[in-house]
Amino acid sequence: MAKCTLCKKGAVSGNQISHAQNHTKRKFKANLQKVNGLLLCTRCLKTIKTIRRENAASEEIPAEIVELEEEKAEQTEEDKQ
């Protein structure tokens, strides 16, 4: 069976239960996606995406932009008072 290359999540067996409470065996399959030749579950994809965003946000913001944002914040505080 196919498994996620990072977390090893794969198919899990269980029961399908009808309205009449009949139990039949079924499989719950992981939501796997092919990304750059790897099979990854969607939870791992989401985790990777958020980690990339956090790293990009912390490294790519120039000091000038941070100073401008601080000045704008101070001006809004003064306007409120």
C-alpha atoms as a PDB file:
ATOM      1  CA  MET A   1       0.000   0.000   0.000  1.00  0.00           C
ATOM      2  CA  ALA A   2       1.036   3.598  -0.551  1.00  0.00           C
ATOM      3  CA  LYS A   3       2.336   5.535   2.452  1.00  0.00           C
ATOM      4  CA  CYS A   4       3.423   9.097   3.127  1.00  0.00           C
ATOM      5  CA  THR A   5       7.200   9.351   2.885  1.00  0.00           C
ATOM      6  CA  LEU A   6       7.458  11.662   5.917  1.00  0.00           C
ATOM      7  CA  CYS A   7       4.970  10.409   8.510  1.00  0.00           C
ATOM      8  CA  LYS A   8       4.373   6.883   7.125  1.00  0.00           C
ATOM      9  CA  LYS A   9       0.594   7.399   7.188  1.00  0.00           C
ATOM     10  CA  GLY A  10      -1.202   4.789   5.106  1.00  0.00           C
ATOM     11  CA  ALA A  11      -4.527   3.009   4.765  1.00  0.00           C
ATOM     12  CA  VAL A  12      -6.400   1.936   7.906  1.00  0.00           C
ATOM     13  CA  SER A  13      -9.117  -0.701   7.962  1.00  0.00           C
ATOM     14  CA  GLY A  14     -12.455  -0.269   9.669  1.00  0.00           C
ATOM     15  CA  ASN A  15     -16.156  -0.851   9.285  1.00  0.00           C
ATOM     16  CA  GLN A  16     -18.686   0.842   7.033  1.00  0.00           C
ATOM     17  CA  ILE A  17     -21.963   1.069   8.953  1.00  0.00           C
ATOM     18  CA  SER A  18     -25.210   1.379   7.030  1.00  0.00           C
ATOM     19  CA  HIS A  19     -28.424   2.931   8.314  1.00  0.00           C
ATOM     20  CA  ALA A  20     -29.585  -0.591   9.194  1.00  0.00           C
ATOM     21  CA  GLN A  21     -26.390  -1.003  11.263  1.00  0.00           C
ATOM     22  CA  ASN A  22     -24.903  -3.594   8.878  1.00  0.00           C
ATOM     23  CA  HIS A  23     -21.129  -3.708   9.295  1.00  0.00           C
ATOM     24  CA  THR A  24     -18.928  -4.338   6.260  1.00  0.00           C
ATOM     25  CA  LYS A  25     -15.148  -4.019   6.082  1.00  0.00           C
ATOM     26  CA  ARG A  26     -13.677  -0.990   4.310  1.00  0.00           C
ATOM     27  CA  LYS A  27     -10.421   0.930   4.112  1.00  0.00           C
ATOM     28  CA  PHE A  28      -9.815   4.542   5.076  1.00  0.00           C
ATOM     29  CA  LYS A  29      -7.119   5.736   2.674  1.00  0.00           C
ATOM     30  CA  ALA A  30      -4.739   8.601   3.375  1.00  0.00           C
ATOM     31  CA  ASN A  31      -5.060  11.653   1.122  1.00  0.00           C
ATOM     32  CA  LEU A  32      -1.722  11.275  -0.675  1.00  0.00           C
ATOM     33  CA  GLN A  33      -0.407  13.685  -3.295  1.00  0.00           C
ATOM     34  CA  LYS A  34       2.628  13.370  -5.571  1.00  0.00           C
ATOM     35  CA  VAL A  35       4.991  16.305  -5.064  1.00  0.00           C
ATOM     36  CA  ASN A  36       8.373  16.287  -6.798  1.00  0.00           C
ATOM     37  CA  GLY A  37       8.290  12.518  -7.044  1.00  0.00           C
ATOM     38  CA  LEU A  38       7.379  11.998  -3.359  1.00  0.00           C
ATOM     39  CA  LEU A  39       4.098  10.777  -1.936  1.00  0.00           C
ATOM     40  CA  LEU A  40       3.037  13.170   0.815  1.00  0.00           C
ATOM     41  CA  CYS A  41      -0.163  13.314   2.828  1.00  0.00           C
ATOM     42  CA  THR A  42      -2.003  16.634   2.863  1.00  0.00           C
ATOM     43  CA  ARG A  43      -1.204  17.246   6.526  1.00  0.00           C
ATOM     44  CA  CYS A  44       2.537  17.042   5.798  1.00  0.00           C
ATOM     45  CA  LEU A  45       2.084  19.362   2.809  1.00  0.00           C
ATOM     46  CA  LYS A  46       0.324  21.913   5.013  1.00  0.00           C
ATOM     47  CA  THR A  47       3.060  21.681   7.640  1.00  0.00           C
ATOM     48  CA  ILE A  48       5.787  22.208   5.043  1.00  0.00           C
ATOM     49  CA  LYS A  49       3.894  25.174   3.606  1.00  0.00           C
ATOM     50  CA  THR A  50       3.570  26.921   6.983  1.00  0.00           C
ATOM     51  CA  ILE A  51       7.228  26.323   7.844  1.00  0.00           C
ATOM     52  CA  ARG A  52       8.285  27.856   4.512  1.00  0.00           C
ATOM     53  CA  ARG A  53       6.058  30.888   5.122  1.00  0.00           C
ATOM     54  CA  GLU A  54       7.496  31.450   8.605  1.00  0.00           C
ATOM     55  CA  ASN A  55      11.062  31.216   7.325  1.00  0.00           C
ATOM     56  CA  ALA A  56      10.369  33.488   4.367  1.00  0.00           C
ATOM     57  CA  ALA A  57       8.644  36.077   6.540  1.00  0.00           C
ATOM     58  CA  SER A  58      11.464  36.241   9.074  1.00  0.00           C
ATOM     59  CA  GLU A  59      14.309  36.420   6.540  1.00  0.00           C
ATOM     60  CA  GLU A  60      12.997  38.568   3.704  1.00  0.00           C
ATOM     61  CA  ILE A  61      11.656  41.625   5.548  1.00  0.00           C
ATOM     62  CA  PRO A  62      14.170  44.480   5.162  1.00  0.00           C
ATOM     63  CA  ALA A  63      14.855  46.728   8.136  1.00  0.00           C
ATOM     64  CA  GLU A  64      13.494  49.772   6.279  1.00  0.00           C
ATOM     65  CA  ILE A  65      10.051  48.220   5.938  1.00  0.00           C
ATOM     66  CA  VAL A  66      10.008  47.299   9.624  1.00  0.00           C
ATOM     67  CA  GLU A  67      10.854  50.890  10.567  1.00  0.00           C
ATOM     68  CA  LEU A  68       8.086  52.247   8.324  1.00  0.00           C
ATOM     69  CA  GLU A  69       5.557  49.877   9.866  1.00  0.00           C
ATOM     70  CA  GLU A  70       6.608  50.964  13.365  1.00  0.00           C
ATOM     71  CA  GLU A  71       6.207  54.629  12.404  1.00  0.00           C
ATOM     72  CA  LYS A  72       2.729  53.957  11.022  1.00  0.00           C
ATOM     73  CA  ALA A  73       1.785  52.164  14.221  1.00  0.00           C
ATOM     74  CA  GLU A  74       2.987  55.105  16.324  1.00  0.00           C
ATOM     75  CA  GLN A  75       1.026  57.559  14.155  1.00  0.00           C
ATOM     76  CA  THR A  76      -2.177  55.554  14.532  1.00  0.00           C
ATOM     77  CA  GLU A  77      -1.698  55.456  18.305  1.00  0.00           C
ATOM     78  CA  GLU A  78      -1.256  59.255  18.363  1.00  0.00           C
ATOM     79  CA  ASP A  79      -4.375  59.722  16.218  1.00  0.00           C
ATOM     80  CA  LYS A  80      -6.422  57.605  18.617  1.00  0.00           C
ATOM     81  CA  GLN A  81      -5.393  59.769  21.578  1.00  0.00           C
END
